[in-house]
Amino acid sequence: MHNIRIASRRWSIRRSLHWAILHNRSQVYWNDGKEMVCVPGGKFLYGDDKREISLLEFWIDRTPVNNREFGRFVEVTGYKTTAEKNGLGCAFTGSKWENVPGADWRHPGGPNTDIQDKEEHPVVQVSWADAVAYARWAGKRLPLEEEWEKAARGKDGRVYPWGNQEPTDTLCNFDRHENGTTPIGKYSPQGDSPYGCADMAGNVWEWTASEGENGTRILRGGGGSHPA
């Protein structure tokens, strides 16, 4: 399922004065109350071929957007998601992913499901357009794929946010070992990235601003049903 990291499923920040300092490399952005971390500028190893590229410093949400945060956005703006407008969303039906009538962010698996007691789970059933709308409301933007990867892997080209160790059920939500999504931060701090970003492997896919083949938008992170 697709999310926003602002977050998302993460957003890097545009210039703004709306900050409250927590500590040296972490601040709370007042528009949406999200903690953001600073990813220093400089070179890092990018991609499977570990090609060295350089980025400017940027800020990114430490965690993906959860249901409570997305609900506040909807309450304030009256926003309707793509799934709500279309009357269906893509959901896992037990054997495959398919379009399910009535599936949306409040009903992730269809009309007989809900997000009760899941306020701290990542919001799902959000399209790229929904992610952009949330980001603009918060005064931010979606991260480029390269920014997302550096925030997730650090500078050294590691395979996973925590290093090169294969995933386990104490490091991330993957390969259906959980029944759906898990609360954001369940695998912190042991599963966090070098910059302290949580849930950047497994749980939900996250949108980026980057464009892939045929005009599609690039997703990163992998979902809870995705193998290691």
Protein backbone atom coordinates (compact mmCIF):
# COMPACT_ATOMS: atom_id res chain seq x y z
CA MET A 1 0.00 0.00 0.00
CA HIS A 2 1.10 3.55 -0.71
CA ASN A 3 1.90 6.17 1.90
CA ILE A 4 3.24 9.69 2.36
CA ARG A 5 6.35 10.76 4.20
CA ILE A 6 6.27 14.45 4.72
CA ALA A 7 5.15 10.90 4.64
CA SER A 8 4.86 8.43 2.98
CA ARG A 9 4.18 6.67 2.74
CA ARG A 10 8.60 11.46 3.46
CA TRP A 11 8.98 14.97 2.44
CA SER A 12 12.03 17.11 2.36
CA ILE A 13 11.37 20.64 3.50
CA ARG A 14 11.22 23.90 1.60
CA ARG A 15 12.58 27.00 3.28
CA SER A 16 10.42 28.19 6.13
CA LEU A 17 10.61 29.90 9.50
CA HIS A 18 8.09 27.64 11.21
CA TRP A 19 10.46 25.59 13.35
CA ALA A 20 10.69 24.55 16.98
CA ILE A 21 14.10 23.17 17.88
CA LEU A 22 14.33 19.76 19.58
CA HIS A 23 18.07 19.15 19.28
CA ASN A 24 20.88 19.89 16.87
CA ARG A 25 19.76 17.85 13.86
CA SER A 26 16.05 17.45 14.56
CA GLN A 27 13.23 20.00 14.61
CA VAL A 28 9.44 20.11 14.72
CA TYR A 29 7.70 21.81 11.83
CA TRP A 30 4.81 23.83 13.21
CA ASN A 31 2.51 23.54 10.18
CA ASP A 32 1.86 19.85 10.72
CA GLY A 33 3.67 19.10 14.00
CA LYS A 34 5.97 16.54 12.38
CA GLU A 35 9.50 15.98 13.62
CA MET A 36 12.02 16.40 10.81
CA VAL A 37 15.67 15.43 10.65
CA CYS A 38 18.51 17.06 8.78
CA VAL A 39 20.34 15.06 6.15
CA PRO A 40 23.71 16.78 5.58
CA GLY A 41 24.82 17.72 2.11
CA GLY A 42 27.65 15.89 0.40
CA LYS A 43 28.48 12.71 -1.45
CA PHE A 44 26.91 9.29 -0.91
CA LEU A 45 26.68 5.90 -2.66
CA TYR A 46 23.46 5.70 -4.67
CA GLY A 47 21.65 2.78 -6.25
CA ASP A 48 22.48 -0.90 -6.59
CA ASP A 49 25.67 -0.02 -8.42
CA LYS A 50 26.72 2.28 -5.56
CA ARG A 51 27.42 5.21 -7.83
CA GLU A 52 28.80 8.24 -6.00
CA ILE A 53 26.59 11.32 -6.31
CA SER A 54 26.22 14.52 -4.30
CA LEU A 55 23.18 16.26 -2.80
CA LEU A 56 22.62 19.54 -1.00
CA GLU A 57 21.52 19.45 2.65
CA PHE A 58 17.79 18.81 3.12
CA TRP A 59 15.27 18.06 5.87
CA ILE A 60 12.90 15.11 5.85
CA ASP A 61 10.15 13.79 8.12
CA ARG A 62 11.47 11.28 10.63
CA THR A 63 8.34 9.15 10.23
CA PRO A 64 5.68 8.50 7.59
CA VAL A 65 2.29 10.21 7.86
CA ASN A 66 -0.09 8.33 10.12
CA ASN A 67 -3.88 8.08 10.07
CA ARG A 68 -4.34 10.68 12.79
CA GLU A 69 -2.19 13.23 10.94
CA PHE A 70 -3.90 12.60 7.62
CA GLY A 71 -7.28 12.85 9.33
CA ARG A 72 -6.40 16.31 10.61
CA PHE A 73 -5.50 17.38 7.06
CA VAL A 74 -8.85 16.09 5.79
CA GLU A 75 -10.75 17.75 8.64
CA VAL A 76 -9.12 21.13 8.04
CA THR A 77 -9.31 21.12 4.23
CA GLY A 78 -12.27 18.87 3.38
CA TYR A 79 -9.99 17.02 0.98
CA LYS A 80 -11.30 13.95 -0.87
CA THR A 81 -8.74 11.34 -1.90
CA THR A 82 -8.52 9.75 -5.32
CA ALA A 83 -9.90 6.47 -3.94
CA GLU A 84 -12.87 8.27 -2.40
CA LYS A 85 -13.65 10.05 -5.66
CA ASN A 86 -13.33 6.86 -7.69
CA GLY A 87 -15.20 4.69 -5.20
CA LEU A 88 -12.51 2.02 -5.08
CA GLY A 89 -8.91 1.36 -4.09
CA CYS A 90 -6.30 -1.34 -4.55
CA ALA A 91 -6.26 -3.82 -1.66
CA PHE A 92 -4.90 -7.29 -0.90
CA THR A 93 -7.77 -9.80 -0.92
CA GLY A 94 -5.90 -12.77 0.54
CA SER A 95 -4.29 -14.07 -2.61
CA LYS A 96 -3.67 -11.02 -4.80
CA TRP A 97 -3.88 -7.25 -5.07
CA GLU A 98 -6.96 -5.99 -6.87
CA ASN A 99 -9.32 -3.02 -7.08
CA VAL A 100 -11.87 -3.23 -4.27
CA PRO A 101 -15.04 -1.08 -4.29
CA GLY A 102 -15.27 1.08 -1.18
CA ALA A 103 -11.59 0.82 -0.24
CA ASP A 104 -10.11 4.17 0.83
CA TRP A 105 -7.91 5.59 3.57
CA ARG A 106 -10.64 5.14 6.21
CA HIS A 107 -11.45 1.63 4.93
CA PRO A 108 -8.11 0.25 3.69
CA GLY A 109 -9.34 -3.23 2.79
CA GLY A 110 -12.85 -2.27 1.68
CA PRO A 111 -16.11 -1.10 3.28
CA ASN A 112 -16.04 -3.81 5.97
CA THR A 113 -12.67 -2.63 7.31
CA ASP A 114 -11.72 0.48 9.25
CA ILE A 115 -8.83 2.24 11.00
CA GLN A 116 -10.27 2.14 14.50
CA ASP A 117 -7.40 1.84 17.01
CA LYS A 118 -4.93 2.46 14.17
CA GLU A 119 -4.26 6.18 14.57
CA GLU A 120 -0.51 5.57 14.75
CA HIS A 121 -0.41 3.28 11.70
CA PRO A 122 0.74 4.78 8.38
CA VAL A 123 -2.08 6.10 6.24
CA VAL A 124 -2.63 4.04 3.08
CA GLN A 125 -4.85 4.22 -0.01
CA VAL A 126 -3.26 7.56 -0.93
CA SER A 127 -2.39 8.34 -4.55
CA TRP A 128 0.54 10.44 -5.69
CA ALA A 129 -1.87 13.37 -6.14
CA ASP A 130 -3.08 12.87 -2.54
CA ALA A 131 0.52 12.86 -1.30
CA VAL A 132 1.30 16.09 -3.15
CA ALA A 133 -1.85 17.75 -1.77
CA TYR A 134 -0.90 16.82 1.80
CA ALA A 135 2.65 18.03 1.31
CA ARG A 136 1.52 21.40 -0.03
CA TRP A 137 -0.90 21.83 2.84
CA ALA A 138 1.96 21.22 5.26
CA GLY A 139 4.21 23.68 3.40
CA LYS A 140 6.60 20.98 2.24
CA ARG A 141 7.25 18.82 -0.81
CA LEU A 142 7.81 15.18 -1.65
CA PRO A 143 11.47 14.13 -1.60
CA LEU A 144 13.34 13.22 -4.75
CA GLU A 145 14.15 9.52 -5.00
CA GLU A 146 17.83 10.32 -4.43
CA GLU A 147 16.99 12.28 -1.27
CA TRP A 148 14.79 9.48 0.01
CA GLU A 149 17.55 6.94 -0.56
CA LYS A 150 20.20 8.97 1.22
CA ALA A 151 17.87 9.50 4.19
CA ALA A 152 17.25 5.73 4.27
CA ARG A 153 20.75 4.35 3.63
CA GLY A 154 23.16 7.05 4.71
CA LYS A 155 26.45 7.62 2.89
CA ASP A 156 28.01 4.15 2.85
CA GLY A 157 25.80 2.24 0.39
CA ARG A 158 24.42 -0.15 2.99
CA VAL A 159 21.66 -2.51 1.83
CA TYR A 160 19.14 -1.62 4.55
CA PRO A 161 18.60 1.38 6.85
CA TRP A 162 20.15 -0.52 9.78
CA GLY A 163 23.10 -1.95 7.83
CA ASN A 164 23.69 -5.10 5.77
CA GLN A 165 22.06 -7.63 8.09
CA GLU A 166 19.11 -9.47 6.53
CA PRO A 167 15.67 -8.28 7.76
CA THR A 168 14.16 -9.95 10.81
CA ASP A 169 10.83 -9.49 12.58
CA THR A 170 12.57 -7.16 15.04
CA LEU A 171 13.84 -4.80 12.33
CA CYS A 172 10.89 -4.24 9.97
CA ASN A 173 7.48 -5.39 8.76
CA PHE A 174 8.01 -7.50 5.64
CA ASP A 175 6.92 -10.66 3.79
CA ARG A 176 3.53 -10.79 5.56
CA HIS A 177 4.90 -11.75 8.96
CA GLU A 178 2.46 -9.16 10.34
CA ASN A 179 -1.25 -9.04 9.55
CA GLY A 180 -1.23 -5.72 7.70
CA THR A 181 0.49 -2.51 8.74
CA THR A 182 2.19 -1.95 12.08
CA PRO A 183 2.35 1.18 14.26
CA ILE A 184 4.98 3.64 13.09
CA GLY A 185 8.11 3.34 15.22
CA LYS A 186 7.49 -0.25 16.31
CA TYR A 187 10.95 -1.15 15.00
CA SER A 188 12.76 1.90 16.38
CA PRO A 189 15.51 2.50 17.11
CA GLN A 190 17.03 -0.78 15.91
CA GLY A 191 15.48 -0.49 12.44
CA ASP A 192 16.11 3.23 11.95
CA SER A 193 18.32 4.79 9.28
CA PRO A 194 21.65 6.47 10.06
CA TYR A 195 19.79 9.80 10.33
CA GLY A 196 17.12 8.42 12.65
CA CYS A 197 14.34 7.96 10.08
CA ALA A 198 11.88 5.22 11.02
CA ASP A 199 10.02 2.69 8.86
CA MET A 200 12.05 3.24 5.70
CA ALA A 201 12.09 -0.49 4.98
CA GLY A 202 8.85 -2.47 4.95
CA ASN A 203 5.39 -1.62 6.32
CA VAL A 204 4.28 0.63 3.41
CA TRP A 205 5.58 1.99 0.12
CA GLU A 206 6.32 5.73 0.05
CA TRP A 207 5.84 8.21 -2.77
CA THR A 208 8.70 10.34 -4.11
CA ALA A 209 8.65 13.35 -6.42
CA SER A 210 10.77 11.55 -9.03
CA GLU A 211 9.35 10.34 -12.32
CA GLY A 212 10.01 6.85 -13.66
CA GLU A 213 9.27 5.16 -16.96
CA ASN A 214 6.15 6.16 -18.92
CA GLY A 215 5.48 9.08 -16.59
CA THR A 216 4.87 6.95 -13.50
CA ARG A 217 6.03 8.15 -10.09
CA ILE A 218 8.69 6.28 -8.16
CA LEU A 219 7.84 4.49 -4.92
CA ARG A 220 10.42 3.47 -2.33
CA GLY A 221 10.57 1.52 0.90
CA GLY A 222 8.65 -1.71 0.27
CA GLY A 223 5.43 -2.78 1.96
CA GLY A 224 4.65 -5.30 4.67
CA SER A 225 3.82 -7.87 2.00
CA HIS A 226 7.11 -7.31 0.17
CA PRO A 227 9.84 -9.99 0.53
CA ALA A 228 13.26 -9.06 1.90
